[in-house]
Amino acid sequence: MLDRLKCNVGLKRLRDMGLPKRSLQPLIPLDSAQSLGFLIDAGNREDFEFLATYCQQLELAGVDCRVCTFFDGKETPDYLVGRARTSLIVKKDVNWLYKPVKGDALPFEELAFDYLIDFTLIDVLPLAWVKANSAAKLHIGFNEASVLGGDVVFPMQAGSPPKQMLEVLAKYLTPQE
């Protein structure tokens, strides 16, 4: 009951705060960007590992990629431990509103990514706070019901994998001839 109340208060604060208004920059394909930030819930191992592999491929193409994820459990799973360029938020890093106040999320928020891409299809409060405080030039999301939405939002069905979301995004970012 108390957790639900804290979540509702946190959601209200995020709604009130909203995302800052930005002028849209010219859109570029992901592999042409200088830096990308990704938000993903750590609960699904397959999705997380797909995104980690995708980031490695982009880094080979010269793109600086970072991932920020939240894990709510007691013991951190092995697939999250020791990941380079991954900011892991755990429950002890957040305050009573689920806002990150210490740990890896704070430096992640300060990075001025070309795109911050939010793969969460349900609001994950610690990641929503990271998104709200991010210095990214453009926020991209896939959850139209999200508290914060994004500068660009592509509605996706619940359970859509990151691969499908990236395909939709790639079509949008690819210049038409």
N, C-alpha and C. Protein backbone atom coordinates (compact mmCIF):
# COMPACT_ATOMS: atom_id res chain seq x y z
N MET A 1 0.83 -1.20 0.00
CA MET A 1 0.00 0.00 0.00
C MET A 1 0.87 1.26 0.00
N LEU A 2 1.88 1.28 0.87
CA LEU A 2 2.75 2.45 0.95
C LEU A 2 3.56 2.61 -0.33
N ASP A 3 4.03 1.48 -0.92
CA ASP A 3 4.77 1.55 -2.18
C ASP A 3 3.90 2.14 -3.29
N ARG A 4 2.65 1.73 -3.34
CA ARG A 4 1.73 2.25 -4.36
C ARG A 4 1.53 3.76 -4.19
N LEU A 5 1.38 4.20 -2.95
CA LEU A 5 1.22 5.62 -2.68
C LEU A 5 2.47 6.40 -3.11
N LYS A 6 3.67 5.86 -2.80
CA LYS A 6 4.91 6.52 -3.20
C LYS A 6 5.02 6.58 -4.72
N CYS A 7 4.62 5.51 -5.41
CA CYS A 7 4.63 5.51 -6.88
C CYS A 7 3.71 6.59 -7.43
N ASN A 8 2.52 6.69 -6.88
CA ASN A 8 1.56 7.70 -7.36
C ASN A 8 2.08 9.12 -7.14
N VAL A 9 2.71 9.37 -6.00
CA VAL A 9 3.29 10.69 -5.74
C VAL A 9 4.43 10.96 -6.73
N GLY A 10 5.28 9.95 -6.95
CA GLY A 10 6.38 10.09 -7.91
C GLY A 10 5.88 10.36 -9.32
N LEU A 11 4.84 9.65 -9.74
CA LEU A 11 4.26 9.87 -11.07
C LEU A 11 3.69 11.28 -11.21
N LYS A 12 3.01 11.75 -10.17
CA LYS A 12 2.46 13.11 -10.21
C LYS A 12 3.58 14.14 -10.34
N ARG A 13 4.66 13.98 -9.59
CA ARG A 13 5.78 14.92 -9.68
C ARG A 13 6.37 14.92 -11.08
N LEU A 14 6.50 13.74 -11.69
CA LEU A 14 7.03 13.65 -13.05
C LEU A 14 6.10 14.33 -14.05
N ARG A 15 4.79 14.09 -13.92
CA ARG A 15 3.83 14.73 -14.83
C ARG A 15 3.91 16.25 -14.72
N ASP A 16 3.99 16.73 -13.49
CA ASP A 16 4.06 18.18 -13.27
C ASP A 16 5.34 18.76 -13.87
N MET A 17 6.42 18.02 -13.76
CA MET A 17 7.71 18.49 -14.24
C MET A 17 7.77 18.46 -15.77
N GLY A 18 7.33 17.36 -16.37
CA GLY A 18 7.35 17.21 -17.83
C GLY A 18 8.74 17.26 -18.40
N LEU A 19 8.83 17.13 -19.70
CA LEU A 19 10.11 17.23 -20.41
C LEU A 19 10.29 18.66 -20.88
N PRO A 20 11.52 19.16 -20.85
CA PRO A 20 11.74 20.50 -21.39
C PRO A 20 11.46 20.52 -22.88
N LYS A 21 10.96 21.63 -23.37
CA LYS A 21 10.69 21.75 -24.81
C LYS A 21 12.00 22.03 -25.54
N ARG A 22 12.24 21.28 -26.59
CA ARG A 22 13.45 21.43 -27.38
C ARG A 22 13.06 21.64 -28.83
N SER A 23 13.88 22.37 -29.54
CA SER A 23 13.64 22.47 -30.98
C SER A 23 14.23 21.21 -31.61
N LEU A 24 13.52 20.64 -32.54
CA LEU A 24 13.97 19.40 -33.15
C LEU A 24 15.19 19.65 -34.03
N GLN A 25 16.17 18.81 -33.86
CA GLN A 25 17.38 18.84 -34.66
C GLN A 25 17.12 18.01 -35.92
N PRO A 26 17.92 18.19 -36.97
CA PRO A 26 17.78 17.31 -38.13
C PRO A 26 18.00 15.86 -37.68
N LEU A 27 17.14 14.98 -38.12
CA LEU A 27 17.24 13.58 -37.71
C LEU A 27 18.30 12.86 -38.54
N ILE A 28 19.07 12.01 -37.87
CA ILE A 28 20.12 11.25 -38.53
C ILE A 28 19.96 9.78 -38.17
N PRO A 29 20.39 8.86 -39.04
CA PRO A 29 20.32 7.44 -38.70
C PRO A 29 21.16 7.13 -37.45
N LEU A 30 20.77 6.09 -36.73
CA LEU A 30 21.46 5.75 -35.49
C LEU A 30 22.95 5.52 -35.69
N ASP A 31 23.32 4.85 -36.80
CA ASP A 31 24.74 4.55 -37.00
C ASP A 31 25.55 5.77 -37.43
N SER A 32 24.89 6.90 -37.66
CA SER A 32 25.59 8.15 -37.99
C SER A 32 25.65 9.11 -36.80
N ALA A 33 25.01 8.75 -35.71
CA ALA A 33 25.02 9.60 -34.52
C ALA A 33 26.38 9.54 -33.83
N GLN A 34 26.68 10.55 -33.04
CA GLN A 34 27.92 10.53 -32.26
C GLN A 34 27.73 9.78 -30.96
N SER A 35 26.57 9.96 -30.32
CA SER A 35 26.34 9.29 -29.04
C SER A 35 24.85 8.96 -28.88
N LEU A 36 24.60 7.80 -28.28
CA LEU A 36 23.24 7.33 -28.05
C LEU A 36 23.11 6.85 -26.62
N GLY A 37 21.97 7.14 -26.02
CA GLY A 37 21.66 6.62 -24.70
C GLY A 37 20.42 5.75 -24.80
N PHE A 38 20.41 4.65 -24.08
CA PHE A 38 19.28 3.72 -24.10
C PHE A 38 18.79 3.49 -22.69
N LEU A 39 17.47 3.49 -22.50
CA LEU A 39 16.84 3.14 -21.23
C LEU A 39 16.09 1.84 -21.44
N ILE A 40 16.34 0.86 -20.57
CA ILE A 40 15.65 -0.42 -20.69
C ILE A 40 15.49 -1.03 -19.30
N ASP A 41 14.36 -1.69 -19.09
CA ASP A 41 14.12 -2.39 -17.84
C ASP A 41 14.96 -3.67 -17.85
N ALA A 42 15.65 -3.94 -16.77
CA ALA A 42 16.56 -5.09 -16.71
C ALA A 42 15.84 -6.40 -16.47
N GLY A 43 14.53 -6.37 -16.31
CA GLY A 43 13.79 -7.58 -15.98
C GLY A 43 13.81 -8.66 -17.05
N ASN A 44 13.98 -8.30 -18.31
CA ASN A 44 13.97 -9.28 -19.40
C ASN A 44 15.40 -9.46 -19.92
N ARG A 45 15.98 -10.62 -19.62
CA ARG A 45 17.38 -10.89 -19.98
C ARG A 45 17.60 -10.84 -21.50
N GLU A 46 16.70 -11.46 -22.27
CA GLU A 46 16.87 -11.49 -23.73
C GLU A 46 16.88 -10.09 -24.32
N ASP A 47 15.96 -9.24 -23.90
CA ASP A 47 15.91 -7.87 -24.41
C ASP A 47 17.17 -7.10 -24.04
N PHE A 48 17.60 -7.26 -22.79
CA PHE A 48 18.80 -6.55 -22.34
C PHE A 48 20.03 -7.01 -23.12
N GLU A 49 20.18 -8.31 -23.30
CA GLU A 49 21.36 -8.81 -24.02
C GLU A 49 21.31 -8.45 -25.50
N PHE A 50 20.12 -8.42 -26.10
CA PHE A 50 20.01 -7.96 -27.49
C PHE A 50 20.50 -6.52 -27.60
N LEU A 51 20.04 -5.67 -26.69
CA LEU A 51 20.43 -4.26 -26.73
C LEU A 51 21.94 -4.09 -26.48
N ALA A 52 22.50 -4.88 -25.58
CA ALA A 52 23.95 -4.81 -25.32
C ALA A 52 24.74 -5.20 -26.57
N THR A 53 24.29 -6.23 -27.28
CA THR A 53 24.95 -6.65 -28.53
C THR A 53 24.80 -5.57 -29.60
N TYR A 54 23.62 -4.98 -29.69
CA TYR A 54 23.38 -3.90 -30.66
C TYR A 54 24.31 -2.72 -30.38
N CYS A 55 24.48 -2.39 -29.12
CA CYS A 55 25.38 -1.29 -28.74
C CYS A 55 26.82 -1.60 -29.15
N GLN A 56 27.24 -2.84 -28.98
CA GLN A 56 28.60 -3.22 -29.38
C GLN A 56 28.78 -3.02 -30.88
N GLN A 57 27.76 -3.38 -31.67
CA GLN A 57 27.84 -3.19 -33.12
C GLN A 57 27.94 -1.71 -33.48
N LEU A 58 27.15 -0.88 -32.81
CA LEU A 58 27.21 0.55 -33.07
C LEU A 58 28.56 1.14 -32.66
N GLU A 59 29.12 0.64 -31.59
CA GLU A 59 30.43 1.15 -31.15
C GLU A 59 31.52 0.80 -32.15
N LEU A 60 31.38 -0.35 -32.82
CA LEU A 60 32.33 -0.69 -33.88
C LEU A 60 32.23 0.29 -35.04
N ALA A 61 31.04 0.89 -35.21
CA ALA A 61 30.84 1.89 -36.26
C ALA A 61 31.21 3.30 -35.78
N GLY A 62 31.71 3.41 -34.55
CA GLY A 62 32.17 4.69 -34.03
C GLY A 62 31.16 5.49 -33.24
N VAL A 63 30.05 4.86 -32.84
CA VAL A 63 29.02 5.55 -32.07
C VAL A 63 29.23 5.26 -30.58
N ASP A 64 29.24 6.29 -29.76
CA ASP A 64 29.36 6.12 -28.31
C ASP A 64 27.98 5.74 -27.76
N CYS A 65 27.85 4.52 -27.23
CA CYS A 65 26.56 4.03 -26.72
C CYS A 65 26.64 3.79 -25.22
N ARG A 66 25.59 4.17 -24.52
CA ARG A 66 25.47 3.92 -23.08
C ARG A 66 24.07 3.38 -22.81
N VAL A 67 23.98 2.50 -21.83
CA VAL A 67 22.70 1.91 -21.44
C VAL A 67 22.46 2.22 -19.97
N CYS A 68 21.24 2.61 -19.63
CA CYS A 68 20.85 2.79 -18.24
C CYS A 68 19.68 1.85 -17.98
N THR A 69 19.78 1.09 -16.90
CA THR A 69 18.75 0.11 -16.61
C THR A 69 18.44 0.10 -15.11
N PHE A 70 17.26 -0.40 -14.78
CA PHE A 70 16.84 -0.49 -13.38
C PHE A 70 16.54 -1.94 -13.05
N PHE A 71 17.04 -2.39 -11.89
CA PHE A 71 16.72 -3.72 -11.40
C PHE A 71 16.18 -3.59 -9.99
N ASP A 72 14.98 -4.14 -9.78
CA ASP A 72 14.26 -3.97 -8.52
C ASP A 72 14.45 -5.14 -7.55
N GLY A 73 15.13 -6.19 -7.98
CA GLY A 73 15.27 -7.37 -7.13
C GLY A 73 16.33 -7.22 -6.05
N LYS A 74 16.46 -8.25 -5.24
CA LYS A 74 17.44 -8.22 -4.15
C LYS A 74 18.84 -8.56 -4.64
N GLU A 75 18.97 -9.60 -5.45
CA GLU A 75 20.28 -10.00 -5.96
C GLU A 75 20.39 -9.66 -7.43
N THR A 76 21.43 -8.93 -7.78
CA THR A 76 21.63 -8.52 -9.17
C THR A 76 21.98 -9.74 -10.02
N PRO A 77 21.25 -9.98 -11.13
CA PRO A 77 21.54 -11.13 -11.98
C PRO A 77 22.92 -11.02 -12.63
N ASP A 78 23.51 -12.16 -12.94
CA ASP A 78 24.87 -12.19 -13.50
C ASP A 78 24.98 -11.44 -14.82
N TYR A 79 23.91 -11.41 -15.62
CA TYR A 79 24.00 -10.74 -16.92
C TYR A 79 24.08 -9.22 -16.79
N LEU A 80 23.86 -8.67 -15.60
CA LEU A 80 23.97 -7.23 -15.39
C LEU A 80 25.29 -6.82 -14.72
N VAL A 81 25.99 -7.79 -14.17
CA VAL A 81 27.20 -7.48 -13.40
C VAL A 81 28.39 -7.25 -14.33
N GLY A 82 29.12 -6.18 -14.08
CA GLY A 82 30.36 -5.91 -14.81
C GLY A 82 30.19 -5.48 -16.25
N ARG A 83 29.03 -5.01 -16.63
CA ARG A 83 28.81 -4.55 -18.00
C ARG A 83 29.45 -3.19 -18.21
N ALA A 84 30.31 -3.09 -19.20
CA ALA A 84 30.91 -1.80 -19.53
C ALA A 84 29.86 -0.89 -20.15
N ARG A 85 29.95 0.37 -19.89
CA ARG A 85 29.09 1.40 -20.46
C ARG A 85 27.61 1.20 -20.12
N THR A 86 27.36 0.53 -18.98
CA THR A 86 26.00 0.31 -18.51
C THR A 86 25.85 0.91 -17.13
N SER A 87 24.85 1.75 -16.96
CA SER A 87 24.54 2.33 -15.65
C SER A 87 23.40 1.51 -15.05
N LEU A 88 23.68 0.86 -13.94
CA LEU A 88 22.69 0.02 -13.27
C LEU A 88 22.15 0.77 -12.06
N ILE A 89 20.85 0.96 -12.04
CA ILE A 89 20.19 1.57 -10.89
C ILE A 89 19.54 0.44 -10.10
N VAL A 90 19.80 0.40 -8.81
CA VAL A 90 19.16 -0.58 -7.93
C VAL A 90 18.33 0.18 -6.91
N LYS A 91 17.48 -0.55 -6.20
CA LYS A 91 16.52 0.10 -5.30
C LYS A 91 17.19 0.99 -4.25
N LYS A 92 18.38 0.63 -3.78
CA LYS A 92 19.04 1.44 -2.75
C LYS A 92 19.55 2.78 -3.31
N ASP A 93 19.56 2.94 -4.64
CA ASP A 93 20.02 4.18 -5.27
C ASP A 93 18.91 5.22 -5.44
N VAL A 94 17.66 4.86 -5.08
CA VAL A 94 16.54 5.77 -5.30
C VAL A 94 15.95 6.23 -3.97
N ASN A 95 15.33 7.42 -3.99
CA ASN A 95 14.68 7.91 -2.77
C ASN A 95 13.25 7.38 -2.69
N TRP A 96 12.48 7.92 -1.77
CA TRP A 96 11.13 7.39 -1.57
C TRP A 96 10.20 7.67 -2.74
N LEU A 97 10.56 8.62 -3.64
CA LEU A 97 9.77 8.87 -4.85
C LEU A 97 10.28 8.06 -6.04
N TYR A 98 11.23 7.17 -5.78
CA TYR A 98 11.88 6.35 -6.81
C TYR A 98 12.76 7.18 -7.74
N LYS A 99 13.16 8.35 -7.29
CA LYS A 99 14.07 9.20 -8.06
C LYS A 99 15.51 8.80 -7.71
N PRO A 100 16.35 8.51 -8.71
CA PRO A 100 17.75 8.18 -8.42
C PRO A 100 18.46 9.36 -7.75
N VAL A 101 19.10 9.08 -6.61
CA VAL A 101 19.81 10.12 -5.87
C VAL A 101 21.29 9.80 -5.69
N LYS A 102 21.69 8.60 -6.07
CA LYS A 102 23.10 8.23 -6.01
C LYS A 102 23.33 7.10 -7.01
N GLY A 103 24.58 6.79 -7.23
CA GLY A 103 24.90 5.67 -8.12
C GLY A 103 25.13 6.11 -9.55
N ASP A 104 24.98 5.16 -10.46
CA ASP A 104 25.33 5.34 -11.87
C ASP A 104 24.40 6.25 -12.65
N ALA A 105 23.19 6.47 -12.18
CA ALA A 105 22.22 7.24 -12.96
C ALA A 105 22.60 8.71 -13.08
N LEU A 106 23.20 9.26 -12.05
CA LEU A 106 23.48 10.70 -12.06
C LEU A 106 24.46 11.10 -13.15
N PRO A 107 25.60 10.40 -13.33
CA PRO A 107 26.47 10.77 -14.46
C PRO A 107 25.81 10.51 -15.81
N PHE A 108 24.95 9.49 -15.91
CA PHE A 108 24.25 9.16 -17.16
C PHE A 108 23.36 10.33 -17.58
N GLU A 109 22.69 10.96 -16.62
CA GLU A 109 21.79 12.08 -16.92
C GLU A 109 22.52 13.27 -17.53
N GLU A 110 23.79 13.43 -17.19
CA GLU A 110 24.55 14.60 -17.64
C GLU A 110 25.08 14.47 -19.06
N LEU A 111 25.06 13.27 -19.63
CA LEU A 111 25.61 13.05 -20.96
C LEU A 111 24.66 13.62 -22.02
N ALA A 112 25.20 14.39 -22.94
CA ALA A 112 24.40 15.04 -23.98
C ALA A 112 24.32 14.14 -25.22
N PHE A 113 23.52 13.09 -25.12
CA PHE A 113 23.36 12.16 -26.23
C PHE A 113 22.67 12.85 -27.41
N ASP A 114 22.95 12.37 -28.62
CA ASP A 114 22.17 12.82 -29.77
C ASP A 114 20.73 12.37 -29.59
N TYR A 115 20.55 11.11 -29.21
CA TYR A 115 19.22 10.55 -28.94
C TYR A 115 19.26 9.80 -27.62
N LEU A 116 18.22 9.95 -26.82
CA LEU A 116 17.99 9.10 -25.66
C LEU A 116 16.76 8.27 -26.02
N ILE A 117 16.95 6.97 -26.16
CA ILE A 117 15.88 6.09 -26.64
C ILE A 117 15.38 5.25 -25.46
N ASP A 118 14.10 5.38 -25.17
CA ASP A 118 13.47 4.71 -24.03
C ASP A 118 12.72 3.48 -24.53
N PHE A 119 13.22 2.30 -24.18
CA PHE A 119 12.60 1.05 -24.62
C PHE A 119 11.58 0.51 -23.62
N THR A 120 11.29 1.24 -22.56
CA THR A 120 10.32 0.75 -21.59
C THR A 120 8.90 0.98 -22.11
N LEU A 121 8.09 -0.06 -22.10
CA LEU A 121 6.71 0.05 -22.59
C LEU A 121 5.73 0.30 -21.45
N ILE A 122 6.22 0.21 -20.22
CA ILE A 122 5.46 0.64 -19.06
C ILE A 122 6.38 1.58 -18.29
N ASP A 123 5.81 2.52 -17.57
CA ASP A 123 6.66 3.46 -16.84
C ASP A 123 7.44 2.75 -15.75
N VAL A 124 8.74 2.88 -15.79
CA VAL A 124 9.64 2.41 -14.75
C VAL A 124 10.15 3.70 -14.10
N LEU A 125 9.63 4.01 -12.92
CA LEU A 125 9.86 5.33 -12.33
C LEU A 125 11.32 5.77 -12.28
N PRO A 126 12.26 4.96 -11.82
CA PRO A 126 13.65 5.44 -11.81
C PRO A 126 14.15 5.83 -13.21
N LEU A 127 13.75 5.07 -14.23
CA LEU A 127 14.17 5.40 -15.60
C LEU A 127 13.43 6.63 -16.12
N ALA A 128 12.18 6.82 -15.69
CA ALA A 128 11.44 8.02 -16.08
C ALA A 128 12.11 9.27 -15.49
N TRP A 129 12.62 9.17 -14.27
CA TRP A 129 13.35 10.29 -13.67
C TRP A 129 14.62 10.57 -14.46
N VAL A 130 15.34 9.52 -14.84
CA VAL A 130 16.56 9.70 -15.63
C VAL A 130 16.22 10.42 -16.94
N LYS A 131 15.14 9.97 -17.57
CA LYS A 131 14.69 10.59 -18.83
C LYS A 131 14.34 12.06 -18.62
N ALA A 132 13.64 12.36 -17.54
CA ALA A 132 13.23 13.74 -17.27
C ALA A 132 14.43 14.66 -17.04
N ASN A 133 15.48 14.14 -16.45
CA ASN A 133 16.65 14.96 -16.12
C ASN A 133 17.77 14.86 -17.14
N SER A 134 17.55 14.13 -18.21
CA SER A 134 18.60 13.90 -19.20
C SER A 134 18.93 15.15 -20.01
N ALA A 135 20.21 15.27 -20.34
CA ALA A 135 20.68 16.39 -21.17
C ALA A 135 20.66 16.03 -22.65
N ALA A 136 20.02 14.92 -23.01
CA ALA A 136 19.97 14.47 -24.41
C ALA A 136 19.31 15.52 -25.30
N LYS A 137 19.75 15.56 -26.56
CA LYS A 137 19.19 16.52 -27.51
C LYS A 137 17.78 16.14 -27.94
N LEU A 138 17.48 14.84 -27.99
CA LEU A 138 16.17 14.37 -28.44
C LEU A 138 15.79 13.11 -27.68
N HIS A 139 14.58 13.08 -27.13
CA HIS A 139 14.06 11.90 -26.43
C HIS A 139 13.13 11.14 -27.37
N ILE A 140 13.38 9.85 -27.51
CA ILE A 140 12.55 8.99 -28.36
C ILE A 140 11.95 7.91 -27.47
N GLY A 141 10.66 7.68 -27.60
CA GLY A 141 10.00 6.67 -26.80
C GLY A 141 9.07 5.82 -27.64
N PHE A 142 8.57 4.75 -27.03
CA PHE A 142 7.66 3.83 -27.71
C PHE A 142 6.39 3.60 -26.92
N ASN A 143 6.21 4.35 -25.84
CA ASN A 143 5.06 4.19 -24.97
C ASN A 143 4.27 5.49 -24.99
N GLU A 144 3.19 5.52 -25.76
CA GLU A 144 2.42 6.76 -25.87
C GLU A 144 1.67 7.10 -24.59
N ALA A 145 1.51 6.13 -23.69
CA ALA A 145 0.83 6.39 -22.42
C ALA A 145 1.82 6.78 -21.32
N SER A 146 3.09 6.93 -21.68
CA SER A 146 4.12 7.25 -20.69
C SER A 146 3.84 8.58 -20.02
N VAL A 147 4.29 8.69 -18.79
CA VAL A 147 4.14 9.93 -18.04
C VAL A 147 4.80 11.08 -18.79
N LEU A 148 5.97 10.82 -19.38
CA LEU A 148 6.73 11.88 -20.04
C LEU A 148 6.64 11.86 -21.55
N GLY A 149 6.21 10.75 -22.13
CA GLY A 149 6.18 10.66 -23.59
C GLY A 149 7.57 10.79 -24.15
N GLY A 150 7.78 11.77 -24.99
CA GLY A 150 9.08 12.01 -25.59
C GLY A 150 8.92 13.06 -26.67
N ASP A 151 10.02 13.49 -27.25
CA ASP A 151 9.94 14.43 -28.36
C ASP A 151 9.34 13.73 -29.57
N VAL A 152 9.69 12.45 -29.73
CA VAL A 152 9.14 11.60 -30.79
C VAL A 152 8.69 10.31 -30.13
N VAL A 153 7.44 9.90 -30.36
CA VAL A 153 6.90 8.68 -29.75
C VAL A 153 6.32 7.79 -30.84
N PHE A 154 6.74 6.53 -30.85
CA PHE A 154 6.21 5.52 -31.77
C PHE A 154 5.39 4.54 -30.95
N PRO A 155 4.06 4.55 -31.08
CA PRO A 155 3.24 3.64 -30.28
C PRO A 155 3.54 2.17 -30.62
N MET A 156 3.82 1.38 -29.62
CA MET A 156 4.10 -0.05 -29.79
C MET A 156 3.21 -0.82 -28.83
N GLN A 157 2.92 -2.06 -29.19
CA GLN A 157 2.11 -2.92 -28.33
C GLN A 157 2.96 -3.44 -27.18
N ALA A 158 2.31 -3.70 -26.06
CA ALA A 158 3.01 -4.28 -24.91
C ALA A 158 3.68 -5.59 -25.34
N GLY A 159 4.87 -5.80 -24.87
CA GLY A 159 5.61 -7.01 -25.20
C GLY A 159 6.43 -6.92 -26.47
N SER A 160 6.39 -5.78 -27.15
CA SER A 160 7.20 -5.62 -28.37
C SER A 160 8.68 -5.65 -27.99
N PRO A 161 9.47 -6.46 -28.70
CA PRO A 161 10.90 -6.54 -28.37
C PRO A 161 11.67 -5.33 -28.91
N PRO A 162 12.82 -5.02 -28.31
CA PRO A 162 13.63 -3.89 -28.78
C PRO A 162 14.00 -3.99 -30.26
N LYS A 163 14.17 -5.20 -30.77
CA LYS A 163 14.52 -5.36 -32.18
C LYS A 163 13.42 -4.75 -33.06
N GLN A 164 12.17 -5.02 -32.74
CA GLN A 164 11.05 -4.48 -33.51
C GLN A 164 10.99 -2.95 -33.37
N MET A 165 11.26 -2.45 -32.18
CA MET A 165 11.25 -1.00 -31.96
C MET A 165 12.35 -0.33 -32.78
N LEU A 166 13.53 -0.95 -32.82
CA LEU A 166 14.64 -0.39 -33.60
C LEU A 166 14.34 -0.41 -35.09
N GLU A 167 13.63 -1.43 -35.57
CA GLU A 167 13.25 -1.48 -36.98
C GLU A 167 12.32 -0.33 -37.33
N VAL A 168 11.34 -0.06 -36.47
CA VAL A 168 10.42 1.06 -36.69
C VAL A 168 11.20 2.37 -36.68
N LEU A 169 12.09 2.53 -35.73
CA LEU A 169 12.89 3.75 -35.62
C LEU A 169 13.81 3.92 -36.83
N ALA A 170 14.42 2.83 -37.30
CA ALA A 170 15.32 2.90 -38.46
C ALA A 170 14.57 3.36 -39.71
N LYS A 171 13.33 2.87 -39.90
CA LYS A 171 12.53 3.31 -41.05
C LYS A 171 12.28 4.81 -40.98
N TYR A 172 12.02 5.29 -39.79
CA TYR A 172 11.73 6.71 -39.61
C TYR A 172 12.97 7.58 -39.84
N LEU A 173 14.13 7.09 -39.42
CA LEU A 173 15.36 7.89 -39.50
C LEU A 173 16.08 7.75 -40.84
N THR A 174 15.69 6.76 -41.65
CA THR A 174 16.35 6.56 -42.94
C THR A 174 15.82 7.58 -43.95
N PRO A 175 16.73 8.34 -44.57
CA PRO A 175 16.29 9.35 -45.55
C PRO A 175 15.58 8.69 -46.73
N GLN A 176 14.48 9.29 -47.15
CA GLN A 176 13.72 8.79 -48.30
C GLN A 176 14.27 9.43 -49.57
N GLU A 177 14.40 8.63 -50.61
CA GLU A 177 14.94 9.15 -51.87
C GLU A 177 13.84 9.51 -52.83
